Amino acid sequence: MPADLGAVPPPWAPAHGYRVKTRHVYFPQQNMYYDLQRGVYIFVNNGQWAVSASIPSRFGRVDFATVPQVQIAVNSPYPYRYHQGYADRDYYEYEKGYYRAQKKEYKRYKKWQREREKEFRRGNGRGHHHH
């Protein structure tokens, strides 16, 4: 692998590129970094941080152009050492939003279930008809 590989933007990079100061791109959903300078992926493998020149196989089907990305200006080959400050917050916000959405869906589902049971007990048995 040529050392200057990092100069080539990855296929999923936005057309307008990244901010000048950006050194890593963090993918919250995958908990993975891409080092723009070295052109490598940094990800957790069996509880250890690993570095790979290609996308880890378990993310092979992910469309990285569309998943959430966080630009990180930490100029270090070990961005995860600074993890707490930024990525977690972004990820937490993302997770929280996702969790909230899930909870809403669940509540809606439970409500629908209760209504069905009520209708059913009324003896019409047509729980799925909404009037």
N, C-alpha and C. Protein backbone atom coordinates (compact mmCIF):
# COMPACT_ATOMS: atom_id res chain seq x y z
N MET A 1 0.84 -1.20 0.00
CA MET A 1 0.00 0.00 0.00
C MET A 1 0.88 1.25 0.00
N PRO A 2 0.71 2.10 -1.01
CA PRO A 2 1.50 3.34 -1.03
C PRO A 2 1.11 4.24 0.14
N ALA A 3 2.10 4.89 0.71
CA ALA A 3 1.88 5.67 1.92
C ALA A 3 1.02 6.91 1.65
N ASP A 4 1.01 7.39 0.40
CA ASP A 4 0.28 8.63 0.11
C ASP A 4 -1.17 8.35 -0.28
N LEU A 5 -1.63 7.15 0.01
CA LEU A 5 -2.98 6.75 -0.37
C LEU A 5 -4.03 7.69 0.22
N GLY A 6 -3.75 8.22 1.40
CA GLY A 6 -4.72 9.06 2.09
C GLY A 6 -5.11 10.30 1.31
N ALA A 7 -4.31 10.68 0.32
CA ALA A 7 -4.62 11.87 -0.47
C ALA A 7 -5.81 11.61 -1.40
N VAL A 8 -6.09 10.36 -1.68
CA VAL A 8 -7.20 10.02 -2.57
C VAL A 8 -8.49 9.95 -1.75
N PRO A 9 -9.49 10.76 -2.12
CA PRO A 9 -10.71 10.71 -1.31
C PRO A 9 -11.42 9.36 -1.46
N PRO A 10 -11.96 8.83 -0.38
CA PRO A 10 -12.68 7.56 -0.46
C PRO A 10 -13.93 7.70 -1.33
N PRO A 11 -14.44 6.62 -1.88
CA PRO A 11 -15.58 6.69 -2.81
C PRO A 11 -16.84 7.29 -2.20
N TRP A 12 -16.95 7.22 -0.86
CA TRP A 12 -18.16 7.73 -0.22
C TRP A 12 -18.02 9.17 0.26
N ALA A 13 -16.86 9.79 -0.02
CA ALA A 13 -16.66 11.18 0.43
C ALA A 13 -17.64 12.10 -0.31
N PRO A 14 -18.16 13.14 0.38
CA PRO A 14 -19.06 14.06 -0.32
C PRO A 14 -18.34 14.79 -1.43
N ALA A 15 -19.08 15.16 -2.47
CA ALA A 15 -18.47 15.80 -3.64
C ALA A 15 -17.69 17.05 -3.27
N HIS A 16 -18.23 17.82 -2.28
CA HIS A 16 -17.55 19.06 -1.89
C HIS A 16 -16.36 18.80 -0.98
N GLY A 17 -16.11 17.55 -0.66
CA GLY A 17 -14.96 17.22 0.18
C GLY A 17 -15.22 17.54 1.64
N TYR A 18 -14.17 17.49 2.43
CA TYR A 18 -14.28 17.74 3.86
C TYR A 18 -13.61 19.05 4.21
N ARG A 19 -13.91 19.54 5.42
CA ARG A 19 -13.26 20.76 5.88
C ARG A 19 -11.75 20.54 5.93
N VAL A 20 -11.02 21.63 5.74
CA VAL A 20 -9.55 21.54 5.69
C VAL A 20 -8.99 20.89 6.96
N LYS A 21 -9.58 21.25 8.10
CA LYS A 21 -9.04 20.75 9.37
C LYS A 21 -9.44 19.30 9.66
N THR A 22 -10.40 18.78 8.92
CA THR A 22 -10.88 17.43 9.21
C THR A 22 -9.79 16.40 8.98
N ARG A 23 -9.55 15.59 10.00
CA ARG A 23 -8.53 14.56 9.87
C ARG A 23 -9.19 13.18 9.80
N HIS A 24 -10.27 13.02 10.57
CA HIS A 24 -10.99 11.75 10.56
C HIS A 24 -12.47 11.97 10.28
N VAL A 25 -13.08 10.99 9.70
CA VAL A 25 -14.53 10.96 9.58
C VAL A 25 -15.00 9.84 10.50
N TYR A 26 -15.95 10.16 11.38
CA TYR A 26 -16.46 9.17 12.32
C TYR A 26 -17.85 8.73 11.89
N PHE A 27 -18.08 7.43 11.90
CA PHE A 27 -19.39 6.88 11.57
C PHE A 27 -20.03 6.34 12.86
N PRO A 28 -20.96 7.12 13.46
CA PRO A 28 -21.53 6.72 14.75
C PRO A 28 -22.19 5.34 14.71
N GLN A 29 -22.94 5.05 13.66
CA GLN A 29 -23.66 3.78 13.63
C GLN A 29 -22.72 2.59 13.62
N GLN A 30 -21.57 2.77 12.99
CA GLN A 30 -20.61 1.67 12.91
C GLN A 30 -19.52 1.77 13.98
N ASN A 31 -19.50 2.90 14.69
CA ASN A 31 -18.43 3.19 15.64
C ASN A 31 -17.07 2.98 14.96
N MET A 32 -16.93 3.60 13.79
CA MET A 32 -15.72 3.43 12.99
C MET A 32 -15.23 4.80 12.53
N TYR A 33 -13.91 4.90 12.44
CA TYR A 33 -13.29 6.12 11.94
C TYR A 33 -12.64 5.85 10.60
N TYR A 34 -12.52 6.92 9.80
CA TYR A 34 -11.69 6.84 8.60
C TYR A 34 -10.66 7.94 8.71
N ASP A 35 -9.40 7.56 8.61
CA ASP A 35 -8.31 8.53 8.71
C ASP A 35 -8.02 9.05 7.31
N LEU A 36 -8.43 10.29 7.04
CA LEU A 36 -8.27 10.85 5.69
C LEU A 36 -6.80 11.01 5.32
N GLN A 37 -5.98 11.22 6.32
CA GLN A 37 -4.56 11.44 6.06
C GLN A 37 -3.86 10.13 5.67
N ARG A 38 -4.18 9.06 6.39
CA ARG A 38 -3.52 7.78 6.11
C ARG A 38 -4.32 6.87 5.20
N GLY A 39 -5.60 7.24 4.98
CA GLY A 39 -6.44 6.42 4.11
C GLY A 39 -6.75 5.06 4.70
N VAL A 40 -6.99 5.01 6.03
CA VAL A 40 -7.29 3.73 6.67
C VAL A 40 -8.56 3.83 7.52
N TYR A 41 -9.19 2.69 7.70
CA TYR A 41 -10.36 2.58 8.57
C TYR A 41 -9.91 2.13 9.94
N ILE A 42 -10.48 2.74 10.99
CA ILE A 42 -10.14 2.39 12.37
C ILE A 42 -11.43 1.92 13.02
N PHE A 43 -11.45 0.69 13.48
CA PHE A 43 -12.71 0.12 13.97
C PHE A 43 -12.42 -0.85 15.10
N VAL A 44 -13.46 -1.22 15.83
CA VAL A 44 -13.28 -2.15 16.94
C VAL A 44 -13.42 -3.58 16.43
N ASN A 45 -12.43 -4.39 16.74
CA ASN A 45 -12.44 -5.79 16.34
C ASN A 45 -12.16 -6.62 17.58
N ASN A 46 -13.14 -7.43 18.01
CA ASN A 46 -12.98 -8.22 19.23
C ASN A 46 -12.54 -7.38 20.42
N GLY A 47 -13.16 -6.22 20.57
CA GLY A 47 -12.86 -5.37 21.72
C GLY A 47 -11.57 -4.59 21.62
N GLN A 48 -10.87 -4.71 20.50
CA GLN A 48 -9.61 -3.96 20.30
C GLN A 48 -9.76 -3.06 19.08
N TRP A 49 -9.09 -1.92 19.12
CA TRP A 49 -9.11 -1.05 17.95
C TRP A 49 -8.19 -1.64 16.89
N ALA A 50 -8.68 -1.75 15.67
CA ALA A 50 -7.89 -2.30 14.57
C ALA A 50 -7.86 -1.29 13.44
N VAL A 51 -6.86 -1.40 12.59
CA VAL A 51 -6.69 -0.49 11.46
C VAL A 51 -6.66 -1.32 10.18
N SER A 52 -7.39 -0.86 9.16
CA SER A 52 -7.43 -1.61 7.92
C SER A 52 -7.47 -0.65 6.74
N ALA A 53 -6.81 -1.01 5.66
CA ALA A 53 -6.80 -0.16 4.47
C ALA A 53 -8.10 -0.30 3.68
N SER A 54 -8.87 -1.35 3.96
CA SER A 54 -10.14 -1.50 3.27
C SER A 54 -11.28 -1.56 4.28
N ILE A 55 -12.50 -1.38 3.81
CA ILE A 55 -13.67 -1.39 4.69
C ILE A 55 -13.78 -2.76 5.35
N PRO A 56 -13.91 -2.82 6.67
CA PRO A 56 -14.07 -4.11 7.35
C PRO A 56 -15.24 -4.90 6.75
N SER A 57 -15.05 -6.19 6.61
CA SER A 57 -16.01 -7.00 5.87
C SER A 57 -17.43 -6.91 6.44
N ARG A 58 -17.54 -6.76 7.77
CA ARG A 58 -18.90 -6.74 8.34
C ARG A 58 -19.67 -5.48 7.95
N PHE A 59 -18.94 -4.45 7.44
CA PHE A 59 -19.63 -3.24 6.97
C PHE A 59 -19.66 -3.20 5.44
N GLY A 60 -19.37 -4.31 4.83
CA GLY A 60 -19.26 -4.35 3.37
C GLY A 60 -20.51 -3.90 2.63
N ARG A 61 -21.67 -4.08 3.26
CA ARG A 61 -22.91 -3.74 2.57
C ARG A 61 -23.44 -2.37 2.95
N VAL A 62 -22.71 -1.67 3.83
CA VAL A 62 -23.16 -0.35 4.27
C VAL A 62 -22.86 0.69 3.19
N ASP A 63 -23.84 1.56 2.91
CA ASP A 63 -23.59 2.65 1.98
C ASP A 63 -23.09 3.85 2.78
N PHE A 64 -21.78 3.99 2.83
CA PHE A 64 -21.20 5.02 3.70
C PHE A 64 -21.50 6.44 3.23
N ALA A 65 -21.96 6.58 2.00
CA ALA A 65 -22.29 7.92 1.52
C ALA A 65 -23.58 8.42 2.16
N THR A 66 -24.41 7.52 2.69
CA THR A 66 -25.71 7.94 3.21
C THR A 66 -25.84 7.83 4.73
N VAL A 67 -24.95 7.10 5.41
CA VAL A 67 -25.07 7.00 6.87
C VAL A 67 -24.50 8.25 7.53
N PRO A 68 -24.88 8.51 8.79
CA PRO A 68 -24.37 9.71 9.48
C PRO A 68 -22.85 9.72 9.56
N GLN A 69 -22.28 10.89 9.28
CA GLN A 69 -20.82 11.06 9.38
C GLN A 69 -20.55 12.27 10.27
N VAL A 70 -19.51 12.16 11.08
CA VAL A 70 -19.09 13.29 11.91
C VAL A 70 -17.66 13.62 11.53
N GLN A 71 -17.43 14.90 11.19
CA GLN A 71 -16.06 15.29 10.84
C GLN A 71 -15.30 15.64 12.11
N ILE A 72 -14.09 15.12 12.19
CA ILE A 72 -13.29 15.29 13.41
C ILE A 72 -11.94 15.90 13.06
N ALA A 73 -11.57 16.94 13.82
CA ALA A 73 -10.33 17.65 13.52
C ALA A 73 -9.18 17.24 14.43
N VAL A 74 -9.36 16.18 15.21
CA VAL A 74 -8.27 15.73 16.09
C VAL A 74 -7.13 15.23 15.21
N ASN A 75 -5.99 15.90 15.28
CA ASN A 75 -4.88 15.51 14.41
C ASN A 75 -4.01 14.47 15.10
N SER A 76 -4.52 13.25 15.15
CA SER A 76 -3.82 12.16 15.81
C SER A 76 -4.22 10.88 15.11
N PRO A 77 -3.31 9.90 15.02
CA PRO A 77 -3.71 8.63 14.42
C PRO A 77 -4.62 7.81 15.33
N TYR A 78 -4.86 8.31 16.56
CA TYR A 78 -5.68 7.56 17.51
C TYR A 78 -6.90 8.38 17.93
N PRO A 79 -7.83 8.63 17.02
CA PRO A 79 -8.95 9.53 17.34
C PRO A 79 -9.79 9.02 18.50
N TYR A 80 -9.84 7.70 18.67
CA TYR A 80 -10.71 7.13 19.71
C TYR A 80 -10.25 7.50 21.12
N ARG A 81 -9.01 7.93 21.24
CA ARG A 81 -8.55 8.36 22.57
C ARG A 81 -9.25 9.64 23.01
N TYR A 82 -9.81 10.34 22.03
CA TYR A 82 -10.48 11.62 22.32
C TYR A 82 -11.99 11.44 22.19
N HIS A 83 -12.39 10.21 22.14
CA HIS A 83 -13.76 9.83 21.82
C HIS A 83 -14.81 10.54 22.67
N GLN A 84 -14.63 10.56 23.97
CA GLN A 84 -15.65 11.06 24.88
C GLN A 84 -16.18 12.44 24.48
N GLY A 85 -15.24 13.32 24.13
CA GLY A 85 -15.64 14.70 23.92
C GLY A 85 -16.65 14.94 22.84
N TYR A 86 -16.50 14.37 21.65
CA TYR A 86 -17.37 14.77 20.54
C TYR A 86 -18.23 13.63 20.04
N ALA A 87 -17.58 12.54 19.66
CA ALA A 87 -18.31 11.49 18.97
C ALA A 87 -19.43 10.94 19.82
N ASP A 88 -19.15 10.72 21.08
CA ASP A 88 -20.17 10.17 21.97
C ASP A 88 -21.38 11.09 22.03
N ARG A 89 -21.11 12.38 22.07
CA ARG A 89 -22.22 13.32 22.16
C ARG A 89 -23.08 13.20 20.90
N ASP A 90 -22.41 13.21 19.76
CA ASP A 90 -23.15 13.12 18.50
C ASP A 90 -23.90 11.80 18.42
N TYR A 91 -23.21 10.75 18.83
CA TYR A 91 -23.81 9.44 18.76
C TYR A 91 -24.98 9.35 19.73
N TYR A 92 -24.77 9.93 20.90
CA TYR A 92 -25.80 9.88 21.92
C TYR A 92 -27.05 10.61 21.42
N GLU A 93 -26.83 11.78 20.82
CA GLU A 93 -27.95 12.55 20.27
C GLU A 93 -28.67 11.69 19.24
N TYR A 94 -27.89 11.07 18.40
CA TYR A 94 -28.46 10.23 17.35
C TYR A 94 -29.23 9.07 17.97
N GLU A 95 -28.59 8.38 18.92
CA GLU A 95 -29.20 7.23 19.58
C GLU A 95 -30.48 7.65 20.29
N LYS A 96 -30.40 8.81 20.96
CA LYS A 96 -31.54 9.28 21.74
C LYS A 96 -32.73 9.50 20.81
N GLY A 97 -32.45 10.15 19.68
CA GLY A 97 -33.50 10.40 18.71
C GLY A 97 -34.09 9.09 18.21
N TYR A 98 -33.23 8.15 17.95
CA TYR A 98 -33.64 6.85 17.45
C TYR A 98 -34.48 6.14 18.50
N TYR A 99 -34.00 6.19 19.73
CA TYR A 99 -34.67 5.52 20.83
C TYR A 99 -36.05 6.13 21.04
N ARG A 100 -36.11 7.46 20.97
CA ARG A 100 -37.38 8.15 21.13
C ARG A 100 -38.37 7.69 20.07
N ALA A 101 -37.90 7.61 18.85
CA ALA A 101 -38.75 7.18 17.75
C ALA A 101 -39.26 5.76 18.01
N GLN A 102 -38.36 4.90 18.45
CA GLN A 102 -38.73 3.52 18.74
C GLN A 102 -39.81 3.48 19.81
N LYS A 103 -39.61 4.28 20.86
CA LYS A 103 -40.51 4.26 22.00
C LYS A 103 -41.91 4.70 21.56
N LYS A 104 -41.94 5.71 20.69
CA LYS A 104 -43.20 6.23 20.19
C LYS A 104 -43.94 5.14 19.42
N GLU A 105 -43.21 4.46 18.57
CA GLU A 105 -43.78 3.37 17.80
C GLU A 105 -44.36 2.32 18.73
N TYR A 106 -43.61 2.00 19.76
CA TYR A 106 -44.00 0.96 20.69
C TYR A 106 -45.28 1.35 21.41
N LYS A 107 -45.32 2.63 21.87
CA LYS A 107 -46.50 3.12 22.57
C LYS A 107 -47.72 3.03 21.66
N ARG A 108 -47.54 3.44 20.40
CA ARG A 108 -48.63 3.43 19.44
C ARG A 108 -49.13 1.99 19.26
N TYR A 109 -48.19 1.10 19.20
CA TYR A 109 -48.53 -0.31 19.01
C TYR A 109 -49.32 -0.85 20.21
N LYS A 110 -48.84 -0.50 21.44
CA LYS A 110 -49.52 -0.97 22.64
C LYS A 110 -50.95 -0.41 22.68
N LYS A 111 -51.11 0.84 22.30
CA LYS A 111 -52.42 1.49 22.34
C LYS A 111 -53.35 0.75 21.37
N TRP A 112 -52.85 0.49 20.20
CA TRP A 112 -53.63 -0.21 19.18
C TRP A 112 -54.04 -1.59 19.70
N GLN A 113 -53.09 -2.23 20.38
CA GLN A 113 -53.36 -3.56 20.93
C GLN A 113 -54.48 -3.50 21.97
N ARG A 114 -54.40 -2.51 22.86
CA ARG A 114 -55.41 -2.35 23.91
C ARG A 114 -56.78 -2.12 23.31
N GLU A 115 -56.83 -1.26 22.29
CA GLU A 115 -58.11 -0.96 21.66
C GLU A 115 -58.70 -2.20 21.02
N ARG A 116 -57.83 -2.97 20.41
CA ARG A 116 -58.31 -4.21 19.79
C ARG A 116 -58.93 -5.12 20.84
N GLU A 117 -58.25 -5.26 21.97
CA GLU A 117 -58.74 -6.13 23.03
C GLU A 117 -60.08 -5.64 23.55
N LYS A 118 -60.22 -4.31 23.70
CA LYS A 118 -61.47 -3.73 24.17
C LYS A 118 -62.60 -4.08 23.22
N GLU A 119 -62.36 -3.86 21.93
CA GLU A 119 -63.37 -4.15 20.92
C GLU A 119 -63.72 -5.62 20.97
N PHE A 120 -62.70 -6.41 21.14
CA PHE A 120 -62.89 -7.86 21.13
C PHE A 120 -63.78 -8.27 22.30
N ARG A 121 -63.52 -7.65 23.46
CA ARG A 121 -64.29 -8.00 24.65
C ARG A 121 -65.74 -7.53 24.53
N ARG A 122 -65.95 -6.49 23.76
CA ARG A 122 -67.31 -6.00 23.55
C ARG A 122 -68.13 -7.06 22.80
N GLY A 123 -67.39 -8.04 22.30
CA GLY A 123 -68.08 -9.17 21.71
C GLY A 123 -68.32 -9.06 20.21
N ASN A 124 -67.84 -7.97 19.57
CA ASN A 124 -68.05 -7.93 18.12
C ASN A 124 -66.97 -8.72 17.41
N GLY A 125 -65.85 -8.97 18.12
CA GLY A 125 -64.83 -9.86 17.55
C GLY A 125 -64.13 -9.29 16.33
N ARG A 126 -64.60 -8.11 15.87
CA ARG A 126 -63.96 -7.57 14.67
C ARG A 126 -62.88 -6.58 15.08
N GLY A 127 -61.87 -7.09 15.80
CA GLY A 127 -60.86 -6.21 16.36
C GLY A 127 -60.14 -5.35 15.36
N HIS A 128 -60.05 -5.79 14.12
CA HIS A 128 -59.22 -5.04 13.19
C HIS A 128 -59.99 -4.00 12.40
N HIS A 129 -61.30 -3.91 12.57
CA HIS A 129 -62.05 -2.87 11.86
C HIS A 129 -62.05 -1.59 12.67
N HIS A 130 -61.64 -0.49 12.05
CA HIS A 130 -61.67 0.79 12.73
C HIS A 130 -62.81 1.61 12.18
N HIS A 131 -63.70 2.11 13.03
CA HIS A 131 -64.84 2.92 12.57
C HIS A 131 -64.61 4.38 12.92
